[in-house]
């Protein structure tokens, strides 16, 4: 079950809570079924349209966020221990689902080119991703991470997991946008 999602996200196996892992995969499977994007597209399309000639794919960026966030969380656990407990399952689930809403932001025009869908023009991926997570009954802590990981969360309080993912997402984006190399 959820074979396409499992193939895209072997990192889901890092989630110890089996029910949470299955819900994360169910969200991705649903998004794939309702997207014009294929798994191949996700490996090829740029992760952002805000960087001219971006050569980093959607999945490369997403996987980098998951891996960097896990390493950052492990270091924080090592240094801060119980002073700042980190829910690794929520962090990993949130990292995998951070941009799942983007799958619903695309449509194809008459020539088959990818364009922003009508829904994508109205709702950014933070909202659609949070909605998908709620549809599959993910914990509020994970929905919070998805909803507030981008600029929409700048006026809100974030959990430790949310802060980690917010900063990792931006530190793996901003250098491409504002690079000096």
N, C-alpha and C. Protein backbone atom coordinates (compact mmCIF):
# COMPACT_ATOMS: atom_id res chain seq x y z
N UNK A 1 0.83 -1.18 0.00
CA UNK A 1 0.00 0.00 0.00
C UNK A 1 0.88 1.25 0.00
N UNK A 2 0.45 2.29 -0.70
CA UNK A 2 1.18 3.55 -0.81
C UNK A 2 2.56 3.36 -1.47
N UNK A 3 2.61 2.51 -2.46
CA UNK A 3 3.90 2.16 -3.07
C UNK A 3 4.61 3.35 -3.70
N UNK A 4 3.85 4.21 -4.39
CA UNK A 4 4.50 5.37 -5.00
C UNK A 4 5.10 6.28 -3.94
N UNK A 5 4.36 6.51 -2.88
CA UNK A 5 4.85 7.36 -1.79
C UNK A 5 6.05 6.72 -1.10
N UNK A 6 6.01 5.42 -0.87
CA UNK A 6 7.13 4.72 -0.23
C UNK A 6 8.39 4.81 -1.09
N UNK A 7 8.20 4.72 -2.40
CA UNK A 7 9.36 4.80 -3.30
C UNK A 7 9.98 6.21 -3.26
N UNK A 8 9.13 7.22 -3.25
CA UNK A 8 9.63 8.60 -3.16
C UNK A 8 10.26 8.90 -1.81
N UNK A 9 9.70 8.32 -0.76
CA UNK A 9 10.07 8.69 0.61
C UNK A 9 10.51 7.50 1.46
N UNK A 10 11.66 6.89 1.16
CA UNK A 10 12.16 5.83 2.05
C UNK A 10 12.43 6.39 3.46
N UNK A 11 12.65 7.70 3.55
CA UNK A 11 12.88 8.35 4.85
C UNK A 11 11.68 8.23 5.79
N UNK A 12 10.51 7.92 5.24
CA UNK A 12 9.33 7.73 6.09
C UNK A 12 9.56 6.59 7.08
N UNK A 13 10.42 5.65 6.74
CA UNK A 13 10.73 4.55 7.65
C UNK A 13 11.40 5.03 8.93
N UNK A 14 11.93 6.23 8.92
CA UNK A 14 12.55 6.79 10.13
C UNK A 14 11.50 7.15 11.18
N UNK A 15 10.24 7.28 10.76
CA UNK A 15 9.16 7.59 11.70
C UNK A 15 8.85 6.32 12.48
N UNK A 16 9.09 6.35 13.77
CA UNK A 16 8.89 5.14 14.59
C UNK A 16 7.42 4.78 14.78
N UNK A 17 6.57 5.79 14.92
CA UNK A 17 5.13 5.55 15.12
C UNK A 17 4.54 5.08 13.78
N UNK A 18 4.20 3.80 13.72
CA UNK A 18 3.73 3.20 12.46
C UNK A 18 2.47 3.88 11.95
N UNK A 19 1.54 4.23 12.83
CA UNK A 19 0.30 4.90 12.39
C UNK A 19 0.61 6.26 11.78
N UNK A 20 1.51 7.00 12.40
CA UNK A 20 1.91 8.31 11.86
C UNK A 20 2.58 8.12 10.50
N UNK A 21 3.47 7.15 10.40
CA UNK A 21 4.16 6.88 9.14
C UNK A 21 3.16 6.59 8.03
N UNK A 22 2.17 5.75 8.31
CA UNK A 22 1.16 5.39 7.31
C UNK A 22 0.33 6.60 6.90
N UNK A 23 0.02 7.48 7.85
CA UNK A 23 -0.75 8.68 7.52
C UNK A 23 0.06 9.61 6.62
N UNK A 24 1.36 9.75 6.91
CA UNK A 24 2.23 10.59 6.08
C UNK A 24 2.25 10.05 4.65
N UNK A 25 2.41 8.76 4.51
CA UNK A 25 2.43 8.14 3.18
C UNK A 25 1.07 8.27 2.49
N UNK A 26 -0.01 8.16 3.26
CA UNK A 26 -1.36 8.32 2.69
C UNK A 26 -1.55 9.73 2.13
N UNK A 27 -1.06 10.73 2.83
CA UNK A 27 -1.16 12.12 2.34
C UNK A 27 -0.42 12.25 1.01
N UNK A 28 0.80 11.72 0.96
CA UNK A 28 1.57 11.82 -0.27
C UNK A 28 0.90 11.05 -1.41
N UNK A 29 0.38 9.88 -1.12
CA UNK A 29 -0.29 9.09 -2.15
C UNK A 29 -1.50 9.85 -2.70
N UNK A 30 -2.28 10.44 -1.80
CA UNK A 30 -3.45 11.23 -2.20
C UNK A 30 -3.02 12.42 -3.06
N UNK A 31 -1.98 13.12 -2.64
CA UNK A 31 -1.51 14.28 -3.40
C UNK A 31 -1.04 13.87 -4.79
N UNK A 32 -0.34 12.75 -4.87
CA UNK A 32 0.11 12.26 -6.18
C UNK A 32 -1.08 11.92 -7.08
N UNK A 33 -2.11 11.32 -6.49
CA UNK A 33 -3.30 10.95 -7.27
C UNK A 33 -4.06 12.17 -7.77
N UNK A 34 -3.95 13.29 -7.06
CA UNK A 34 -4.71 14.49 -7.42
C UNK A 34 -3.85 15.59 -8.03
N UNK A 35 -2.66 15.24 -8.44
CA UNK A 35 -1.73 16.20 -9.03
C UNK A 35 -1.53 15.89 -10.50
N UNK A 36 -1.20 16.91 -11.26
CA UNK A 36 -0.81 16.69 -12.65
C UNK A 36 0.65 16.25 -12.73
N UNK A 37 1.35 16.32 -11.62
CA UNK A 37 2.76 15.96 -11.57
C UNK A 37 2.94 14.46 -11.35
N UNK A 38 3.89 13.89 -12.05
CA UNK A 38 4.25 12.49 -11.84
C UNK A 38 5.48 12.45 -10.92
N UNK A 39 5.83 11.28 -10.47
CA UNK A 39 7.04 11.13 -9.67
C UNK A 39 8.26 11.58 -10.48
N UNK A 40 8.25 11.28 -11.77
CA UNK A 40 9.35 11.71 -12.65
C UNK A 40 9.42 13.25 -12.69
N UNK A 41 8.26 13.90 -12.79
CA UNK A 41 8.23 15.36 -12.78
C UNK A 41 8.88 15.91 -11.52
N UNK A 42 8.58 15.30 -10.39
CA UNK A 42 9.11 15.78 -9.11
C UNK A 42 10.63 15.69 -9.05
N UNK A 43 11.18 14.73 -9.79
CA UNK A 43 12.64 14.57 -9.84
C UNK A 43 13.27 15.56 -10.83
N UNK A 44 12.44 16.19 -11.67
CA UNK A 44 12.97 17.05 -12.73
C UNK A 44 12.64 18.53 -12.58
N UNK A 45 11.45 18.85 -12.08
CA UNK A 45 11.06 20.26 -12.03
C UNK A 45 11.90 20.99 -10.98
N UNK A 46 12.18 22.27 -11.20
CA UNK A 46 12.93 23.03 -10.19
C UNK A 46 12.12 23.14 -8.90
N UNK A 47 12.81 23.18 -7.79
CA UNK A 47 12.10 23.26 -6.51
C UNK A 47 11.47 24.62 -6.27
N UNK A 48 11.89 25.61 -7.04
CA UNK A 48 11.31 26.94 -6.91
C UNK A 48 11.32 27.64 -8.26
N UNK A 49 10.33 28.48 -8.46
CA UNK A 49 10.28 29.31 -9.66
C UNK A 49 10.89 30.69 -9.36
N UNK A 50 11.29 30.92 -8.13
CA UNK A 50 11.84 32.20 -7.72
C UNK A 50 13.33 32.34 -8.03
N UNK A 51 13.95 31.25 -8.49
CA UNK A 51 15.37 31.27 -8.84
C UNK A 51 15.47 31.02 -10.34
N UNK A 52 16.00 32.00 -11.05
CA UNK A 52 16.15 31.86 -12.50
C UNK A 52 17.08 30.69 -12.81
N UNK A 53 16.64 29.84 -13.71
CA UNK A 53 17.42 28.68 -14.15
C UNK A 53 17.82 27.76 -12.99
N UNK A 54 16.93 27.59 -12.04
CA UNK A 54 17.20 26.71 -10.91
C UNK A 54 17.40 25.27 -11.40
N UNK A 55 18.53 24.67 -11.02
CA UNK A 55 18.84 23.31 -11.49
C UNK A 55 18.63 22.27 -10.39
N UNK A 56 18.12 22.68 -9.24
CA UNK A 56 17.88 21.74 -8.15
C UNK A 56 16.41 21.31 -8.21
N UNK A 57 16.19 20.01 -8.26
CA UNK A 57 14.84 19.50 -8.42
C UNK A 57 14.03 19.61 -7.12
N UNK A 58 12.74 19.50 -7.29
CA UNK A 58 11.81 19.50 -6.15
C UNK A 58 12.22 18.43 -5.14
N UNK A 59 12.41 17.20 -5.59
CA UNK A 59 12.73 16.11 -4.66
C UNK A 59 14.11 16.25 -4.05
N UNK A 60 15.08 16.76 -4.79
CA UNK A 60 16.41 16.97 -4.21
C UNK A 60 16.31 17.95 -3.05
N UNK A 61 15.60 19.04 -3.26
CA UNK A 61 15.43 20.02 -2.19
C UNK A 61 14.68 19.42 -1.01
N UNK A 62 13.59 18.72 -1.28
CA UNK A 62 12.77 18.14 -0.20
C UNK A 62 13.59 17.16 0.62
N UNK A 63 14.35 16.31 -0.04
CA UNK A 63 15.16 15.33 0.68
C UNK A 63 16.25 16.03 1.48
N UNK A 64 16.85 17.07 0.92
CA UNK A 64 17.87 17.82 1.66
C UNK A 64 17.27 18.39 2.94
N UNK A 65 16.06 18.93 2.86
CA UNK A 65 15.41 19.49 4.05
C UNK A 65 15.22 18.41 5.11
N UNK A 66 14.75 17.24 4.71
CA UNK A 66 14.54 16.15 5.67
C UNK A 66 15.86 15.77 6.35
N UNK A 67 16.88 15.54 5.56
CA UNK A 67 18.16 15.07 6.09
C UNK A 67 18.85 16.13 6.95
N UNK A 68 18.87 17.37 6.49
CA UNK A 68 19.51 18.43 7.27
C UNK A 68 18.75 18.67 8.57
N UNK A 69 17.43 18.64 8.51
CA UNK A 69 16.62 18.86 9.72
C UNK A 69 16.87 17.77 10.76
N UNK A 70 16.94 16.53 10.32
CA UNK A 70 17.19 15.43 11.26
C UNK A 70 18.57 15.60 11.91
N UNK A 71 19.57 15.94 11.11
CA UNK A 71 20.90 16.13 11.68
C UNK A 71 20.93 17.32 12.65
N UNK A 72 20.26 18.40 12.29
CA UNK A 72 20.20 19.56 13.19
C UNK A 72 19.50 19.19 14.49
N UNK A 73 18.40 18.46 14.39
CA UNK A 73 17.66 18.06 15.59
C UNK A 73 18.51 17.16 16.48
N UNK A 74 19.26 16.26 15.89
CA UNK A 74 20.13 15.37 16.68
C UNK A 74 21.19 16.18 17.42
N UNK A 75 21.76 17.17 16.75
CA UNK A 75 22.76 18.02 17.41
C UNK A 75 22.12 18.83 18.54
N UNK A 76 20.92 19.34 18.29
CA UNK A 76 20.23 20.10 19.34
C UNK A 76 19.90 19.22 20.53
N UNK A 77 19.48 17.99 20.27
CA UNK A 77 19.21 17.05 21.37
C UNK A 77 20.48 16.78 22.17
N UNK A 78 21.59 16.63 21.46
CA UNK A 78 22.87 16.36 22.11
C UNK A 78 23.25 17.52 23.03
N UNK A 79 23.08 18.74 22.56
CA UNK A 79 23.52 19.91 23.32
C UNK A 79 22.51 20.38 24.36
N UNK A 80 21.24 20.26 24.05
CA UNK A 80 20.22 20.82 24.96
C UNK A 80 19.45 19.78 25.76
N UNK A 81 19.48 18.53 25.33
CA UNK A 81 18.82 17.45 26.06
C UNK A 81 17.38 17.77 26.40
N UNK A 82 17.02 17.52 27.64
CA UNK A 82 15.64 17.71 28.09
C UNK A 82 15.26 19.19 28.22
N UNK A 83 16.22 20.10 28.12
CA UNK A 83 15.89 21.52 28.15
C UNK A 83 15.09 21.93 26.93
N UNK A 84 15.26 21.17 25.83
CA UNK A 84 14.48 21.42 24.62
C UNK A 84 14.16 20.09 23.97
N UNK A 85 13.14 19.41 24.46
CA UNK A 85 12.79 18.11 23.86
C UNK A 85 12.31 18.29 22.42
N UNK A 86 12.75 17.38 21.58
CA UNK A 86 12.37 17.41 20.17
C UNK A 86 11.66 16.10 19.84
N UNK A 87 10.49 16.22 19.27
CA UNK A 87 9.70 15.06 18.84
C UNK A 87 10.18 14.70 17.43
N UNK A 88 11.06 13.71 17.36
CA UNK A 88 11.66 13.35 16.07
C UNK A 88 10.62 12.84 15.08
N UNK A 89 9.63 12.10 15.54
CA UNK A 89 8.60 11.64 14.62
C UNK A 89 7.84 12.81 14.00
N UNK A 90 7.48 13.79 14.82
CA UNK A 90 6.78 14.98 14.30
C UNK A 90 7.69 15.76 13.36
N UNK A 91 8.96 15.87 13.70
CA UNK A 91 9.91 16.59 12.85
C UNK A 91 10.03 15.91 11.49
N UNK A 92 10.20 14.60 11.48
CA UNK A 92 10.36 13.87 10.21
C UNK A 92 9.07 13.92 9.41
N UNK A 93 7.94 13.69 10.07
CA UNK A 93 6.65 13.76 9.36
C UNK A 93 6.44 15.15 8.77
N UNK A 94 6.71 16.17 9.57
CA UNK A 94 6.56 17.54 9.08
C UNK A 94 7.50 17.84 7.92
N UNK A 95 8.74 17.36 8.02
CA UNK A 95 9.71 17.59 6.95
C UNK A 95 9.27 16.94 5.64
N UNK A 96 8.77 15.72 5.73
CA UNK A 96 8.32 15.02 4.52
C UNK A 96 7.08 15.69 3.92
N UNK A 97 6.23 16.25 4.78
CA UNK A 97 4.98 16.86 4.31
C UNK A 97 5.06 18.36 4.07
N UNK A 98 6.20 18.97 4.37
CA UNK A 98 6.33 20.42 4.32
C UNK A 98 5.75 21.04 3.05
N UNK A 99 6.05 20.48 1.90
CA UNK A 99 5.64 21.07 0.62
C UNK A 99 4.70 20.18 -0.18
N UNK A 100 4.05 19.22 0.48
CA UNK A 100 3.14 18.33 -0.25
C UNK A 100 2.03 19.12 -0.93
N UNK A 101 1.63 20.24 -0.35
CA UNK A 101 0.59 21.07 -0.95
C UNK A 101 0.98 21.63 -2.31
N UNK A 102 2.28 21.71 -2.59
CA UNK A 102 2.72 22.21 -3.89
C UNK A 102 2.25 21.31 -5.04
N UNK A 103 2.01 20.05 -4.74
CA UNK A 103 1.55 19.15 -5.80
C UNK A 103 0.19 19.57 -6.34
N UNK A 104 -0.56 20.31 -5.54
CA UNK A 104 -1.88 20.78 -5.96
C UNK A 104 -1.84 22.18 -6.55
N UNK A 105 -0.67 22.79 -6.58
CA UNK A 105 -0.53 24.15 -7.11
C UNK A 105 -0.27 24.17 -8.62
N UNK A 106 -0.14 23.02 -9.23
CA UNK A 106 0.19 22.95 -10.64
C UNK A 106 -0.99 22.50 -11.49
N UNK A 107 -0.98 22.98 -12.74
CA UNK A 107 -1.90 22.53 -13.78
C UNK A 107 -1.08 22.51 -15.07
N UNK A 108 -1.69 22.00 -16.12
CA UNK A 108 -1.03 22.04 -17.43
C UNK A 108 -1.86 22.90 -18.36
N UNK A 109 -1.18 23.75 -19.12
CA UNK A 109 -1.90 24.58 -20.08
C UNK A 109 -2.17 23.78 -21.35
N UNK A 110 -2.75 24.42 -22.34
CA UNK A 110 -3.14 23.74 -23.57
C UNK A 110 -1.95 23.09 -24.29
N UNK A 111 -0.74 23.64 -24.08
CA UNK A 111 0.46 23.08 -24.71
C UNK A 111 1.15 22.05 -23.82
N UNK A 112 0.57 21.79 -22.64
CA UNK A 112 1.15 20.79 -21.74
C UNK A 112 2.19 21.32 -20.78
N UNK A 113 2.42 22.65 -20.82
CA UNK A 113 3.40 23.26 -19.91
C UNK A 113 2.80 23.38 -18.51
N UNK A 114 3.68 23.28 -17.51
CA UNK A 114 3.23 23.45 -16.12
C UNK A 114 2.99 24.92 -15.84
N UNK A 115 1.83 25.19 -15.25
CA UNK A 115 1.45 26.54 -14.84
C UNK A 115 0.82 26.45 -13.45
N UNK A 116 0.60 27.57 -12.84
CA UNK A 116 -0.07 27.59 -11.55
C UNK A 116 -1.55 27.30 -11.74
N UNK A 117 -2.07 26.39 -10.94
CA UNK A 117 -3.49 26.03 -11.02
C UNK A 117 -4.34 27.15 -10.44
N UNK A 118 -5.63 27.19 -10.75
CA UNK A 118 -6.51 28.19 -10.13
C UNK A 118 -6.46 28.11 -8.59
N UNK A 119 -6.43 26.88 -8.06
CA UNK A 119 -6.33 26.70 -6.61
C UNK A 119 -5.00 27.22 -6.08
N UNK A 120 -3.95 26.98 -6.85
CA UNK A 120 -2.62 27.44 -6.46
C UNK A 120 -2.51 28.95 -6.42
N UNK A 121 -3.32 29.63 -7.23
CA UNK A 121 -3.34 31.09 -7.21
C UNK A 121 -4.04 31.62 -5.98
N UNK A 122 -4.96 30.83 -5.43
CA UNK A 122 -5.74 31.26 -4.27
C UNK A 122 -5.14 30.81 -2.94
N UNK A 123 -4.54 29.62 -2.93
CA UNK A 123 -4.04 29.05 -1.68
C UNK A 123 -2.59 28.61 -1.84
N UNK A 124 -1.73 29.16 -1.02
CA UNK A 124 -0.33 28.71 -1.04
C UNK A 124 -0.23 27.31 -0.45
N UNK A 125 0.87 26.66 -0.73
CA UNK A 125 1.07 25.26 -0.33
C UNK A 125 1.00 25.04 1.18
N UNK A 126 1.25 26.06 1.97
CA UNK A 126 1.15 25.90 3.42
C UNK A 126 -0.29 25.59 3.81
N UNK A 127 -1.24 26.23 3.15
CA UNK A 127 -2.66 26.02 3.46
C UNK A 127 -3.15 24.69 2.90
N UNK A 128 -2.84 24.42 1.63
CA UNK A 128 -3.31 23.17 1.04
C UNK A 128 -2.63 21.98 1.70
N UNK A 129 -1.35 22.11 2.05
CA UNK A 129 -0.65 21.01 2.73
C UNK A 129 -1.23 20.74 4.11
N UNK A 130 -1.53 21.81 4.85
CA UNK A 130 -2.14 21.64 6.18
C UNK A 130 -3.52 21.00 6.02
N UNK A 131 -4.27 21.41 5.00
CA UNK A 131 -5.58 20.82 4.76
C UNK A 131 -5.49 19.34 4.45
N UNK A 132 -4.50 18.96 3.64
CA UNK A 132 -4.31 17.53 3.34
C UNK A 132 -3.97 16.76 4.61
N UNK A 133 -3.10 17.32 5.42
CA UNK A 133 -2.71 16.65 6.66
C UNK A 133 -3.91 16.48 7.59
N UNK A 134 -4.75 17.49 7.65
CA UNK A 134 -5.95 17.39 8.50
C UNK A 134 -6.91 16.35 7.93
N UNK A 135 -7.02 16.29 6.62
CA UNK A 135 -7.90 15.30 5.98
C UNK A 135 -7.54 13.88 6.40
N UNK A 136 -6.25 13.65 6.62
CA UNK A 136 -5.77 12.32 7.01
C UNK A 136 -5.50 12.22 8.51
N UNK A 137 -6.03 13.15 9.26
CA UNK A 137 -6.01 13.09 10.72
C UNK A 137 -4.60 13.04 11.31
N UNK A 138 -3.69 13.81 10.72
CA UNK A 138 -2.37 13.91 11.32
C UNK A 138 -2.45 14.76 12.58
N UNK A 139 -1.53 14.54 13.52
CA UNK A 139 -1.57 15.30 14.77
C UNK A 139 -1.42 16.81 14.51
N UNK A 140 -2.04 17.59 15.38
CA UNK A 140 -2.00 19.05 15.26
C UNK A 140 -0.56 19.55 15.21
N UNK A 141 0.34 18.90 15.92
CA UNK A 141 1.74 19.32 15.94
C UNK A 141 2.35 19.26 14.53
N UNK A 142 1.98 18.26 13.76
CA UNK A 142 2.49 18.12 12.39
C UNK A 142 1.79 19.12 11.47
N UNK A 143 0.50 19.29 11.62
CA UNK A 143 -0.24 20.26 10.82
C UNK A 143 0.33 21.67 11.06
N UNK A 144 0.64 21.96 12.32
CA UNK A 144 1.22 23.26 12.69
C UNK A 144 2.55 23.49 11.95
N UNK A 145 3.38 22.48 11.90
CA UNK A 145 4.67 22.59 11.20
C UNK A 145 4.45 22.96 9.73
N UNK A 146 3.53 22.26 9.08
CA UNK A 146 3.24 22.50 7.66
C UNK A 146 2.68 23.92 7.47
N UNK A 147 1.71 24.28 8.29
CA UNK A 147 1.02 25.56 8.13
C UNK A 147 1.92 26.76 8.37
N UNK A 148 2.87 26.62 9.29
CA UNK A 148 3.68 27.77 9.70
C UNK A 148 5.14 27.72 9.27
N UNK A 149 5.49 26.81 8.36
CA UNK A 149 6.90 26.69 8.00
C UNK A 149 7.40 27.83 7.12
N UNK A 150 6.53 28.49 6.44
CA UNK A 150 6.93 29.55 5.52
C UNK A 150 6.58 30.91 6.10
N UNK A 151 6.53 31.91 5.26
CA UNK A 151 6.29 33.28 5.73
C UNK A 151 4.96 33.43 6.46
N UNK A 152 4.01 32.53 6.18
CA UNK A 152 2.73 32.59 6.88
C UNK A 152 2.89 32.44 8.39
N UNK A 153 3.96 31.83 8.82
CA UNK A 153 4.18 31.59 10.24
C UNK A 153 5.03 32.63 10.93
N UNK A 154 5.43 33.67 10.21
CA UNK A 154 6.35 34.64 10.80
C UNK A 154 5.76 35.40 11.99
N UNK A 155 4.46 35.47 12.09
CA UNK A 155 3.84 36.18 13.21
C UNK A 155 3.33 35.20 14.27
N UNK A 156 3.59 33.92 14.09
CA UNK A 156 3.09 32.90 15.01
C UNK A 156 4.23 32.34 15.84
N UNK A 157 3.88 31.68 16.90
CA UNK A 157 4.87 30.93 17.67
C UNK A 157 5.03 29.57 17.01
N UNK A 158 6.24 29.07 17.03
CA UNK A 158 6.52 27.77 16.44
C UNK A 158 7.04 26.82 17.52
N UNK A 159 6.80 25.54 17.30
CA UNK A 159 7.37 24.50 18.16
C UNK A 159 8.85 24.38 17.83
N UNK A 160 9.64 23.71 18.67
CA UNK A 160 11.05 23.50 18.30
C UNK A 160 11.18 22.82 16.93
N UNK A 161 10.33 21.84 16.67
CA UNK A 161 10.36 21.15 15.37
C UNK A 161 10.03 22.13 14.24
N UNK A 162 9.07 23.01 14.50
CA UNK A 162 8.68 24.01 13.51
C UNK A 162 9.80 24.99 13.23
N UNK A 163 10.51 25.43 14.28
CA UNK A 163 11.65 26.34 14.08
C UNK A 163 12.74 25.67 13.26
N UNK A 164 13.06 24.44 13.61
CA UNK A 164 14.10 23.73 12.87
C UNK A 164 13.73 23.66 11.39
N UNK A 165 12.51 23.24 11.09
CA UNK A 165 12.12 23.07 9.69
C UNK A 165 11.99 24.40 8.96
N UNK A 166 11.51 25.42 9.63
CA UNK A 166 11.44 26.74 9.01
C UNK A 166 12.84 27.19 8.58
N UNK A 167 13.78 27.08 9.49
CA UNK A 167 15.13 27.56 9.18
C UNK A 167 15.85 26.67 8.17
N UNK A 168 15.68 25.36 8.29
CA UNK A 168 16.32 24.47 7.31
C UNK A 168 15.74 24.69 5.92
N UNK A 169 14.44 24.86 5.84
CA UNK A 169 13.81 25.12 4.53
C UNK A 169 14.38 26.39 3.91
N UNK A 170 14.52 27.44 4.71
CA UNK A 170 15.04 28.69 4.15
C UNK A 170 16.54 28.65 3.92
N UNK A 171 17.28 27.94 4.76
CA UNK A 171 18.73 27.90 4.53
C UNK A 171 19.09 27.04 3.33
N UNK A 172 18.16 26.19 2.89
CA UNK A 172 18.39 25.41 1.67
C UNK A 172 17.71 26.03 0.46
N UNK A 173 17.17 27.25 0.65
CA UNK A 173 16.55 28.00 -0.45
C UNK A 173 17.27 29.33 -0.69
N UNK A 174 17.42 30.12 0.35
CA UNK A 174 17.96 31.48 0.22
C UNK A 174 19.31 31.55 -0.49
N UNK A 175 20.26 30.64 -0.22
CA UNK A 175 21.54 30.76 -0.94
C UNK A 175 21.39 30.65 -2.46
N UNK A 176 20.40 29.92 -2.93
CA UNK A 176 20.16 29.82 -4.37
C UNK A 176 19.58 31.12 -4.90
N UNK A 177 18.77 31.77 -4.09
CA UNK A 177 18.11 33.01 -4.49
C UNK A 177 19.08 34.18 -4.47
N UNK A 178 19.89 34.23 -3.45
CA UNK A 178 20.78 35.40 -3.25
C UNK A 178 22.25 35.03 -3.33
N UNK A 179 22.61 34.07 -4.18
CA UNK A 179 23.98 33.55 -4.16
C UNK A 179 25.01 34.56 -4.64
N UNK A 180 26.21 34.38 -4.12
CA UNK A 180 27.34 35.23 -4.50
C UNK A 180 28.39 34.43 -5.27
N UNK A 181 28.07 33.22 -5.67
CA UNK A 181 29.06 32.44 -6.41
C UNK A 181 28.75 32.43 -7.89
